Amino acid sequence: DWEKIRQQNEAEQRDEIRAMYKLREQEIISQLMQLESKQYDMEQENQTLRDKLEEYQRREKEDAETIAETITKTVEMPGIESEVQAHLPLHSQDLPEKPHSPQPLPRRETPVPASPSTNEKTPSRFYRPFQEYPTKCV
């Protein structure tokens, strides 16, 4: 009798443990599905943001090209200030026509002595002639 009762108790415990594992498995599957859904939503949002960024960059590039063309036209044909003003954004029309230009600094009377480590053929690592700077129009 005792053996039979022990086997029944063990069988009940095994069934209980199986049920707990099944329940836990269902919880984990549910959490996994929620995470996959959240990941999908984030990927969709990421793609939307990428698309918006590309559109913004495209518009910025077009605006920069338009401004560059306007500047080029202005340089090539002086006297078309009214046409230039029409192409500029509204906020720039509020600016004064000729902003105050700063006065140039007075020239130094005494020459600056060259440092002993300066070699004329090898410029300092901080100095780059104007021509070496890359120009990039956005």
C-alpha atoms as a PDB file:
ATOM      1  CA  ASP A   1       0.000   0.000   0.000  1.00  0.00           C
ATOM      2  CA  TRP A   2       2.716   2.463   0.977  1.00  0.00           C
ATOM      3  CA  GLU A   3       4.503   1.815  -2.284  1.00  0.00           C
ATOM      4  CA  LYS A   4       1.337   2.484  -4.257  1.00  0.00           C
ATOM      5  CA  ILE A   5       0.669   5.744  -2.365  1.00  0.00           C
ATOM      6  CA  ARG A   6       4.304   6.846  -2.897  1.00  0.00           C
ATOM      7  CA  GLN A   7       4.039   6.163  -6.642  1.00  0.00           C
ATOM      8  CA  GLN A   8       0.773   8.100  -6.821  1.00  0.00           C
ATOM      9  CA  ASN A   9       2.347  11.046  -4.969  1.00  0.00           C
ATOM     10  CA  GLU A  10       5.366  10.990  -7.294  1.00  0.00           C
ATOM     11  CA  ALA A  11       3.080  10.831 -10.335  1.00  0.00           C
ATOM     12  CA  GLU A  12       1.054  13.780  -9.007  1.00  0.00           C
ATOM     13  CA  GLN A  13       4.276  15.757  -8.385  1.00  0.00           C
ATOM     14  CA  ARG A  14       5.515  14.955 -11.899  1.00  0.00           C
ATOM     15  CA  ASP A  15       2.192  16.061 -13.374  1.00  0.00           C
ATOM     16  CA  GLU A  16       2.317  19.244 -11.289  1.00  0.00           C
ATOM     17  CA  ILE A  17       5.887  19.960 -12.409  1.00  0.00           C
ATOM     18  CA  ARG A  18       4.925  19.273 -16.046  1.00  0.00           C
ATOM     19  CA  ALA A  19       2.002  21.676 -15.746  1.00  0.00           C
ATOM     20  CA  MET A  20       4.291  24.340 -14.201  1.00  0.00           C
ATOM     21  CA  TYR A  21       6.833  23.865 -17.005  1.00  0.00           C
ATOM     22  CA  LYS A  22       4.084  24.084 -19.633  1.00  0.00           C
ATOM     23  CA  LEU A  23       2.771  27.273 -18.033  1.00  0.00           C
ATOM     24  CA  ARG A  24       6.281  28.745 -17.872  1.00  0.00           C
ATOM     25  CA  GLU A  25       6.899  27.722 -21.490  1.00  0.00           C
ATOM     26  CA  GLN A  26       3.707  29.524 -22.545  1.00  0.00           C
ATOM     27  CA  GLU A  27       4.779  32.645 -20.601  1.00  0.00           C
ATOM     28  CA  ILE A  28       8.196  32.612 -22.282  1.00  0.00           C
ATOM     29  CA  ILE A  29       6.646  32.126 -25.732  1.00  0.00           C
ATOM     30  CA  SER A  30       4.270  35.007 -25.044  1.00  0.00           C
ATOM     31  CA  GLN A  31       7.154  37.265 -23.945  1.00  0.00           C
ATOM     32  CA  LEU A  32       9.169  36.238 -27.005  1.00  0.00           C
ATOM     33  CA  MET A  33       6.263  37.112 -29.299  1.00  0.00           C
ATOM     34  CA  GLN A  34       5.890  40.492 -27.573  1.00  0.00           C
ATOM     35  CA  LEU A  35       9.612  41.178 -28.024  1.00  0.00           C
ATOM     36  CA  GLU A  36       9.462  40.171 -31.687  1.00  0.00           C
ATOM     37  CA  SER A  37       6.486  42.470 -32.174  1.00  0.00           C
ATOM     38  CA  LYS A  38       8.319  45.310 -30.430  1.00  0.00           C
ATOM     39  CA  GLN A  39      11.425  44.656 -32.558  1.00  0.00           C
ATOM     40  CA  TYR A  40       9.323  44.772 -35.731  1.00  0.00           C
ATOM     41  CA  ASP A  41       7.720  48.055 -34.628  1.00  0.00           C
ATOM     42  CA  MET A  42      11.154  49.533 -33.874  1.00  0.00           C
ATOM     43  CA  GLU A  43      12.480  48.415 -37.264  1.00  0.00           C
ATOM     44  CA  GLN A  44       9.492  50.059 -38.948  1.00  0.00           C
ATOM     45  CA  GLU A  45      10.052  53.257 -36.970  1.00  0.00           C
ATOM     46  CA  ASN A  46      13.760  53.135 -37.817  1.00  0.00           C
ATOM     47  CA  GLN A  47      12.968  52.801 -41.530  1.00  0.00           C
ATOM     48  CA  THR A  48      10.507  55.691 -41.313  1.00  0.00           C
ATOM     49  CA  LEU A  49      13.152  57.851 -39.641  1.00  0.00           C
ATOM     50  CA  ARG A  50      15.717  56.870 -42.287  1.00  0.00           C
ATOM     51  CA  ASP A  51      13.264  57.854 -45.017  1.00  0.00           C
ATOM     52  CA  LYS A  52      12.584  61.191 -43.318  1.00  0.00           C
ATOM     53  CA  LEU A  53      16.334  61.811 -42.944  1.00  0.00           C
ATOM     54  CA  GLU A  54      16.949  61.050 -46.621  1.00  0.00           C
ATOM     55  CA  GLU A  55      14.122  63.399 -47.609  1.00  0.00           C
ATOM     56  CA  TYR A  56      15.488  66.119 -45.312  1.00  0.00           C
ATOM     57  CA  GLN A  57      19.015  65.698 -46.704  1.00  0.00           C
ATOM     58  CA  ARG A  58      17.669  65.785 -50.271  1.00  0.00           C
ATOM     59  CA  ARG A  59      15.785  69.023 -49.568  1.00  0.00           C
ATOM     60  CA  GLU A  60      18.836  70.530 -47.848  1.00  0.00           C
ATOM     61  CA  LYS A  61      20.984  69.637 -50.866  1.00  0.00           C
ATOM     62  CA  GLU A  62      18.435  71.152 -53.253  1.00  0.00           C
ATOM     63  CA  ASP A  63      18.258  74.312 -51.118  1.00  0.00           C
ATOM     64  CA  ALA A  64      22.055  74.546 -51.048  1.00  0.00           C
ATOM     65  CA  GLU A  65      22.215  74.113 -54.830  1.00  0.00           C
ATOM     66  CA  THR A  66      19.557  76.806 -55.286  1.00  0.00           C
ATOM     67  CA  ILE A  67      21.467  79.183 -53.015  1.00  0.00           C
ATOM     68  CA  ALA A  68      24.732  78.387 -54.814  1.00  0.00           C
ATOM     69  CA  GLU A  69      23.072  79.092 -58.178  1.00  0.00           C
ATOM     70  CA  THR A  70      21.670  82.356 -56.819  1.00  0.00           C
ATOM     71  CA  ILE A  71      25.092  83.388 -55.545  1.00  0.00           C
ATOM     72  CA  THR A  72      26.684  82.447 -58.863  1.00  0.00           C
ATOM     73  CA  LYS A  73      24.102  84.501 -60.758  1.00  0.00           C
ATOM     74  CA  THR A  74      24.673  87.434 -58.413  1.00  0.00           C
ATOM     75  CA  VAL A  75      28.433  87.305 -58.921  1.00  0.00           C
ATOM     76  CA  GLU A  76      28.090  86.951 -62.691  1.00  0.00           C
ATOM     77  CA  MET A  77      25.444  89.656 -63.124  1.00  0.00           C
ATOM     78  CA  PRO A  78      25.632  92.472 -60.574  1.00  0.00           C
ATOM     79  CA  GLY A  79      22.595  94.695 -60.262  1.00  0.00           C
ATOM     80  CA  ILE A  80      19.954  92.005 -59.837  1.00  0.00           C
ATOM     81  CA  GLU A  81      19.518  92.480 -56.102  1.00  0.00           C
ATOM     82  CA  SER A  82      15.726  92.431 -56.295  1.00  0.00           C
ATOM     83  CA  GLU A  83      15.779  89.019 -58.000  1.00  0.00           C
ATOM     84  CA  VAL A  84      18.210  87.695 -55.397  1.00  0.00           C
ATOM     85  CA  GLN A  85      15.991  88.986 -52.585  1.00  0.00           C
ATOM     86  CA  ALA A  86      13.032  87.149 -54.112  1.00  0.00           C
ATOM     87  CA  HIS A  87      14.910  83.826 -53.926  1.00  0.00           C
ATOM     88  CA  LEU A  88      16.176  84.245 -50.387  1.00  0.00           C
ATOM     89  CA  PRO A  89      14.211  82.852 -47.449  1.00  0.00           C
ATOM     90  CA  LEU A  90      11.935  85.352 -45.708  1.00  0.00           C
ATOM     91  CA  HIS A  91      14.048  85.650 -42.568  1.00  0.00           C
ATOM     92  CA  SER A  92      17.107  86.749 -44.548  1.00  0.00           C
ATOM     93  CA  GLN A  93      15.098  89.610 -46.079  1.00  0.00           C
ATOM     94  CA  ASP A  94      14.767  91.055 -42.588  1.00  0.00           C
ATOM     95  CA  LEU A  95      18.551  91.472 -42.327  1.00  0.00           C
ATOM     96  CA  PRO A  96      20.123  94.848 -43.106  1.00  0.00           C
ATOM     97  CA  GLU A  97      21.352  95.120 -46.680  1.00  0.00           C
ATOM     98  CA  LYS A  98      24.986  95.667 -45.783  1.00  0.00           C
ATOM     99  CA  PRO A  99      26.019  94.287 -42.406  1.00  0.00           C
ATOM    100  CA  HIS A 100      28.709  96.091 -40.473  1.00  0.00           C
ATOM    101  CA  SER A 101      32.066  94.729 -41.535  1.00  0.00           C
ATOM    102  CA  PRO A 102      34.750  94.462 -38.848  1.00  0.00           C
ATOM    103  CA  GLN A 103      37.805  96.669 -39.129  1.00  0.00           C
ATOM    104  CA  PRO A 104      41.014  94.865 -40.123  1.00  0.00           C
ATOM    105  CA  LEU A 105      43.551  94.364 -37.375  1.00  0.00           C
ATOM    106  CA  PRO A 106      46.593  96.669 -37.459  1.00  0.00           C
ATOM    107  CA  ARG A 107      49.747  95.129 -38.894  1.00  0.00           C
ATOM    108  CA  ARG A 108      52.374  94.025 -36.423  1.00  0.00           C
ATOM    109  CA  GLU A 109      55.441  96.238 -36.581  1.00  0.00           C
ATOM    110  CA  THR A 110      57.953  93.694 -35.320  1.00  0.00           C
ATOM    111  CA  PRO A 111      58.267  90.452 -37.244  1.00  0.00           C
ATOM    112  CA  VAL A 112      57.583  87.252 -35.359  1.00  0.00           C
ATOM    113  CA  PRO A 113      60.783  85.221 -35.093  1.00  0.00           C
ATOM    114  CA  ALA A 114      60.636  81.747 -36.595  1.00  0.00           C
ATOM    115  CA  SER A 115      60.869  78.931 -34.125  1.00  0.00           C
ATOM    116  CA  PRO A 116      64.134  76.959 -34.320  1.00  0.00           C
ATOM    117  CA  SER A 117      62.225  73.740 -35.059  1.00  0.00           C
ATOM    118  CA  THR A 118      60.382  75.246 -38.033  1.00  0.00           C
ATOM    119  CA  ASN A 119      61.619  74.013 -41.387  1.00  0.00           C
ATOM    120  CA  GLU A 120      60.452  76.012 -44.413  1.00  0.00           C
ATOM    121  CA  LYS A 121      59.851  72.870 -46.460  1.00  0.00           C
ATOM    122  CA  THR A 122      57.907  71.102 -43.709  1.00  0.00           C
ATOM    123  CA  PRO A 123      55.057  73.223 -42.393  1.00  0.00           C
ATOM    124  CA  SER A 124      53.737  72.774 -38.890  1.00  0.00           C
ATOM    125  CA  ARG A 125      51.202  69.990 -38.415  1.00  0.00           C
ATOM    126  CA  PHE A 126      48.606  72.667 -37.644  1.00  0.00           C
ATOM    127  CA  TYR A 127      49.247  74.690 -40.794  1.00  0.00           C
ATOM    128  CA  ARG A 128      47.753  73.705 -44.112  1.00  0.00           C
ATOM    129  CA  PRO A 129      47.898  76.010 -47.091  1.00  0.00           C
ATOM    130  CA  PHE A 130      44.492  77.162 -48.308  1.00  0.00           C
ATOM    131  CA  GLN A 131      44.624  74.978 -51.408  1.00  0.00           C
ATOM    132  CA  GLU A 132      44.892  71.779 -49.332  1.00  0.00           C
ATOM    133  CA  TYR A 133      41.544  72.250 -47.581  1.00  0.00           C
ATOM    134  CA  PRO A 134      38.832  70.225 -49.280  1.00  0.00           C
ATOM    135  CA  THR A 135      35.859  72.195 -50.438  1.00  0.00           C
ATOM    136  CA  LYS A 136      32.514  70.539 -50.088  1.00  0.00           C
ATOM    137  CA  CYS A 137      29.193  71.985 -51.108  1.00  0.00           C
ATOM    138  CA  VAL A 138      26.255  70.308 -49.443  1.00  0.00           C
END
